[in-house]
Amino acid sequence: MTLLLRWLLNGVALMLVAYLYSGVTVTGIVPALIAALVLGLVNAVIRPILVILTLPVTLLTLGLFIFVINALLFWLVAEMVPGFRVTGFMAALIGSLMFSVITIITSWLISD
């Protein structure tokens, strides 16, 4: 049940990011839910591989390259899901940061 609630809240978080920031657009709740699902899958499968492959760069930048990885994955999901669009890399960076902050807050709210 918690997984379903998290998925729904992530979809709402994507809608909120699109509402607050003009560089990210979502055409409706269904594309937001699909994008939240795909984003979760991408973060679970592709992100760990990218973090390991880019570990030297991440160490040189004192961990700041993780933000670049998050932005690229956010942008990738926007390219894969119809109805969810990001206008460029900076929009992906700002959108992924906003999405992360909102999901952290909602995770605190629903934690046991």
C-alpha atoms as a PDB file:
ATOM      1  CA  MET A   1       0.000   0.000   0.000  1.00  0.00           C
ATOM      2  CA  THR A   2       2.845   2.386   0.802  1.00  0.00           C
ATOM      3  CA  LEU A   3       4.407   1.759  -2.612  1.00  0.00           C
ATOM      4  CA  LEU A   4       1.173   2.715  -4.363  1.00  0.00           C
ATOM      5  CA  LEU A   5       0.867   5.854  -2.218  1.00  0.00           C
ATOM      6  CA  ARG A   6       4.470   6.813  -2.996  1.00  0.00           C
ATOM      7  CA  TRP A   7       3.849   6.337  -6.711  1.00  0.00           C
ATOM      8  CA  LEU A   8       0.746   8.535  -6.594  1.00  0.00           C
ATOM      9  CA  LEU A   9       2.583  11.211  -4.597  1.00  0.00           C
ATOM     10  CA  ASN A  10       5.463  11.149  -7.080  1.00  0.00           C
ATOM     11  CA  GLY A  11       2.985  11.704  -9.890  1.00  0.00           C
ATOM     12  CA  VAL A  12       1.494  14.631  -8.008  1.00  0.00           C
ATOM     13  CA  ALA A  13       5.033  15.916  -7.351  1.00  0.00           C
ATOM     14  CA  LEU A  14       5.717  15.906 -11.096  1.00  0.00           C
ATOM     15  CA  MET A  15       2.516  17.847 -11.651  1.00  0.00           C
ATOM     16  CA  LEU A  16       3.605  20.332  -8.989  1.00  0.00           C
ATOM     17  CA  VAL A  17       7.019  20.761 -10.614  1.00  0.00           C
ATOM     18  CA  ALA A  18       5.311  21.418 -13.942  1.00  0.00           C
ATOM     19  CA  TYR A  19       3.025  23.942 -12.271  1.00  0.00           C
ATOM     20  CA  LEU A  20       5.852  25.783 -10.492  1.00  0.00           C
ATOM     21  CA  TYR A  21       8.472  25.717 -13.263  1.00  0.00           C
ATOM     22  CA  SER A  22       7.784  26.497 -16.905  1.00  0.00           C
ATOM     23  CA  GLY A  23      10.707  24.401 -18.221  1.00  0.00           C
ATOM     24  CA  VAL A  24       8.849  21.192 -17.319  1.00  0.00           C
ATOM     25  CA  THR A  25       5.426  20.416 -18.753  1.00  0.00           C
ATOM     26  CA  VAL A  26       3.030  17.581 -18.006  1.00  0.00           C
ATOM     27  CA  THR A  27      -0.201  17.357 -19.973  1.00  0.00           C
ATOM     28  CA  GLY A  28      -2.210  15.473 -17.364  1.00  0.00           C
ATOM     29  CA  ILE A  29      -2.249  13.149 -14.406  1.00  0.00           C
ATOM     30  CA  VAL A  30      -1.902   9.978 -16.487  1.00  0.00           C
ATOM     31  CA  PRO A  31       1.362  11.078 -18.147  1.00  0.00           C
ATOM     32  CA  ALA A  32       2.566  12.239 -14.713  1.00  0.00           C
ATOM     33  CA  LEU A  33       1.861   8.815 -13.200  1.00  0.00           C
ATOM     34  CA  ILE A  34       3.520   7.036 -16.119  1.00  0.00           C
ATOM     35  CA  ALA A  35       6.526   9.360 -15.877  1.00  0.00           C
ATOM     36  CA  ALA A  36       6.748   8.757 -12.117  1.00  0.00           C
ATOM     37  CA  LEU A  37       6.742   5.008 -12.710  1.00  0.00           C
ATOM     38  CA  VAL A  38       9.367   5.193 -15.472  1.00  0.00           C
ATOM     39  CA  LEU A  39      11.476   7.592 -13.393  1.00  0.00           C
ATOM     40  CA  GLY A  40      11.401   5.152 -10.495  1.00  0.00           C
ATOM     41  CA  LEU A  41      12.436   2.276 -12.745  1.00  0.00           C
ATOM     42  CA  VAL A  42      15.216   4.296 -14.388  1.00  0.00           C
ATOM     43  CA  ASN A  43      16.518   5.389 -10.990  1.00  0.00           C
ATOM     44  CA  ALA A  44      16.464   1.795  -9.767  1.00  0.00           C
ATOM     45  CA  VAL A  45      18.159   0.219 -12.794  1.00  0.00           C
ATOM     46  CA  ILE A  46      20.205   2.743 -14.796  1.00  0.00           C
ATOM     47  CA  ARG A  47      21.257   5.225 -12.087  1.00  0.00           C
ATOM     48  CA  PRO A  48      23.427   2.793 -10.064  1.00  0.00           C
ATOM     49  CA  ILE A  49      25.284   1.776 -13.230  1.00  0.00           C
ATOM     50  CA  LEU A  50      25.912   5.410 -14.169  1.00  0.00           C
ATOM     51  CA  VAL A  51      27.045   6.270 -10.645  1.00  0.00           C
ATOM     52  CA  ILE A  52      29.609   3.466 -10.704  1.00  0.00           C
ATOM     53  CA  LEU A  53      30.819   4.324 -14.219  1.00  0.00           C
ATOM     54  CA  THR A  54      31.228   8.011 -13.378  1.00  0.00           C
ATOM     55  CA  LEU A  55      32.717   7.512  -9.923  1.00  0.00           C
ATOM     56  CA  PRO A  56      36.067   9.194 -10.772  1.00  0.00           C
ATOM     57  CA  VAL A  57      34.309  12.312 -12.074  1.00  0.00           C
ATOM     58  CA  THR A  58      31.983  12.301  -9.073  1.00  0.00           C
ATOM     59  CA  LEU A  59      34.951  12.143  -6.716  1.00  0.00           C
ATOM     60  CA  LEU A  60      36.743  14.972  -8.557  1.00  0.00           C
ATOM     61  CA  THR A  61      33.671  17.186  -8.331  1.00  0.00           C
ATOM     62  CA  LEU A  62      33.078  16.260  -4.678  1.00  0.00           C
ATOM     63  CA  GLY A  63      29.765  14.606  -5.516  1.00  0.00           C
ATOM     64  CA  LEU A  64      28.283  17.396  -7.596  1.00  0.00           C
ATOM     65  CA  PHE A  65      28.269  15.244 -10.738  1.00  0.00           C
ATOM     66  CA  ILE A  66      25.390  13.276  -9.186  1.00  0.00           C
ATOM     67  CA  PHE A  67      23.207  16.316  -9.965  1.00  0.00           C
ATOM     68  CA  VAL A  68      24.190  16.003 -13.620  1.00  0.00           C
ATOM     69  CA  ILE A  69      23.300  12.300 -13.610  1.00  0.00           C
ATOM     70  CA  ASN A  70      19.912  13.059 -12.023  1.00  0.00           C
ATOM     71  CA  ALA A  71      19.216  15.776 -14.591  1.00  0.00           C
ATOM     72  CA  LEU A  72      20.161  13.519 -17.509  1.00  0.00           C
ATOM     73  CA  LEU A  73      17.921  10.725 -16.230  1.00  0.00           C
ATOM     74  CA  PHE A  74      15.068  13.184 -15.676  1.00  0.00           C
ATOM     75  CA  TRP A  75      15.554  14.407 -19.251  1.00  0.00           C
ATOM     76  CA  LEU A  76      15.712  10.811 -20.539  1.00  0.00           C
ATOM     77  CA  VAL A  77      12.367   9.996 -18.946  1.00  0.00           C
ATOM     78  CA  ALA A  78      10.895  13.148 -20.473  1.00  0.00           C
ATOM     79  CA  GLU A  79      12.038  11.948 -23.893  1.00  0.00           C
ATOM     80  CA  MET A  80      10.527   8.499 -23.342  1.00  0.00           C
ATOM     81  CA  VAL A  81       7.113   9.414 -21.906  1.00  0.00           C
ATOM     82  CA  PRO A  82       4.633  11.234 -24.147  1.00  0.00           C
ATOM     83  CA  GLY A  83       2.960  14.110 -22.348  1.00  0.00           C
ATOM     84  CA  PHE A  84       5.979  14.819 -20.132  1.00  0.00           C
ATOM     85  CA  ARG A  85       8.439  17.306 -21.589  1.00  0.00           C
ATOM     86  CA  VAL A  86      11.576  19.113 -20.442  1.00  0.00           C
ATOM     87  CA  THR A  87      12.877  22.014 -22.552  1.00  0.00           C
ATOM     88  CA  GLY A  88      16.614  21.507 -22.028  1.00  0.00           C
ATOM     89  CA  PHE A  89      19.413  20.481 -19.720  1.00  0.00           C
ATOM     90  CA  MET A  90      19.052  23.411 -17.301  1.00  0.00           C
ATOM     91  CA  ALA A  91      15.322  22.789 -17.129  1.00  0.00           C
ATOM     92  CA  ALA A  92      16.060  19.130 -16.388  1.00  0.00           C
ATOM     93  CA  LEU A  93      18.530  20.122 -13.672  1.00  0.00           C
ATOM     94  CA  ILE A  94      16.129  22.537 -11.995  1.00  0.00           C
ATOM     95  CA  GLY A  95      13.179  20.182 -12.462  1.00  0.00           C
ATOM     96  CA  SER A  96      15.050  17.207 -11.006  1.00  0.00           C
ATOM     97  CA  LEU A  97      16.139  19.286  -8.005  1.00  0.00           C
ATOM     98  CA  MET A  98      12.575  20.467  -7.417  1.00  0.00           C
ATOM     99  CA  PHE A  99      11.237  16.937  -7.843  1.00  0.00           C
ATOM    100  CA  SER A 100      13.806  15.611  -5.367  1.00  0.00           C
ATOM    101  CA  VAL A 101      12.923  18.195  -2.736  1.00  0.00           C
ATOM    102  CA  ILE A 102       9.193  17.580  -3.108  1.00  0.00           C
ATOM    103  CA  THR A 103       9.592  13.791  -2.926  1.00  0.00           C
ATOM    104  CA  ILE A 104      11.805  14.088   0.164  1.00  0.00           C
ATOM    105  CA  ILE A 105       9.115  16.181   1.868  1.00  0.00           C
ATOM    106  CA  THR A 106       6.336  13.762   0.908  1.00  0.00           C
ATOM    107  CA  SER A 107       8.454  10.805   2.053  1.00  0.00           C
ATOM    108  CA  TRP A 108       8.830  12.449   5.446  1.00  0.00           C
ATOM    109  CA  LEU A 109       5.074  12.955   5.623  1.00  0.00           C
ATOM    110  CA  ILE A 110       4.156   9.329   4.886  1.00  0.00           C
ATOM    111  CA  SER A 111       6.986   7.635   6.786  1.00  0.00           C
ATOM    112  CA  ASP A 112       5.969   5.343   9.620  1.00  0.00           C
END
